[in-house]
Amino acid sequence: MSRRRHLARTRKYAEEHGHRVIMIMKDPEWEADYVDEVVVADTSSIDETLSAAKAVAAAESTIDAVVTFAEAAVPSAARVAAEFGLPGVSERTAHLARDKYLMRAAFAEGGVAQPRFALAGSLEEAVKAADEVGFPMVLKPIIGTGSMYVRSVATMAELEEHFDIIREGAWAGFTYDPLHDSAMRSYGGGVLAEQFVPGPEICVESLVVAGTTHMLAIHDKPLPTGPTFEEVYACTPTRLPAETVERIAAAVRDVHEAMGILTGPTHVEFRLAGGVEPVVLEAAARMGGGPIYRSVLLSTGVDLVEAALDLALGRTPEIAPREVARPIGFWNIFPERAGTLSEIVGLDRAAADPRVDEVEIYRHLGDHLEVPPRTFQGHGHLIFKVGDVDELDPVFDELVSTLRLRTDPEGR
């Protein structure tokens, strides 16, 4: 998976600077190959994670830094950083970055443009929310990750058809999250009902250094437009006009201020109302997941993992993006339908394409593959590079026609 690159760069960084890498994880597998030691702990509990970190500190005499590349672990990392007086986002900020209802409240208080929203714990409440939010309406988990169990509904009939499925998945799908139990109690098993904002979707990667935001890359996300919102295709640099980019940069700063983000990498997602006005969908107090690390590195030359580790150690990272960014695209690969993986078509051909920087399929023949909204993670990824931004979309279309995951229905 893409996290292999994150961990490999972390290991190399540690060797260069004379540190050991110790991972706290519940069920380590391949990750153990990239670290000096694994401490097994129930990372679905912030308290258990902190206890494990204290044991590490006692054995090592000190902890120099704490960092995570995983969304659900952001509050645990903040707790450990606070306990040992290490650089990192505050526990309040970490909580806002994971609890999307509190995030919306923070944006409202900070005057950040965002969709209309409401909390719905039942179909009856969702019907009432529709009067305020309007159709199309997006249903989403409060502590979800990626776009799992996120779906738009365009009519009352669609709301009635999908609400219970989304509500149940929004909690059953995230039991590993350290905030799951407390959020379930706080919100009574409810979900967010949000206004659907028409317009292009983008995500923004930034580094915040001593309270100053350095916007590094904007990825255009031409797909999808609903009813599910998995990240299928993204490309950078953005093709938006300079005036719109300036609006986005200001909006990112406003998001950081509203959430209290003073240090570290961030990943912020927007829709552009009318194609120009940024409306924040959500924000993460960590770097973007999946192939984004590699995409930003290839495009701008900035190593987000190195910068995140510098900041976690109290160092000032060197931020020197290329004057002209290189056009890079990536594809998170899903099959057309859920089922048993029966054939991987075109993998060798795609891997041999000189425009392809990296292609990997995570699954094996016979594995069951889910599709959104029951999963947010692609079952593979492909990163490609072109000479001009105008080539991005045509090359993506060509690669999609080359490589496919074929599935057979279960029980066939």
Foldseek 3Di string as FASTA:
>chain_A
DQCVVLLQVVLVVCVVVVHFFEAEEADDDVSVVRGPYYDHWLLLALVRLLVSVVVVCVVVVHDQFFDDQDLLCQLSRQVNCVVRVFDDFHNQLSVLQQFVVSVVVLCVVLVFFAWDKDKDLDLVRVVVVCVVRPPQKWKAARRDDFQALIFTDGDNVSSVVCVVVSLVCSQVVPSSRNCRVVVCVVRVSIIMITHQADAWKKKWKWWAEQQDIDTQAIWTQRDDSGRTGFRFKTKDDDPDDPLLVVQVVVSVSSSCVSSVPRGAMKMWMFGDHVHRHTHTPHMHRYGDDDCVQVRSCQFFVDRRSVCRVCSRSVHHDDDHTDPGTFMKMKGQAAAPAWAFFADKFQPVVLVPPPFWPDKDFQDDGRDTGHDPNNDRGGRIMIMGGDHDNVCVVVVVVVVDVRIHTDHDHPPD
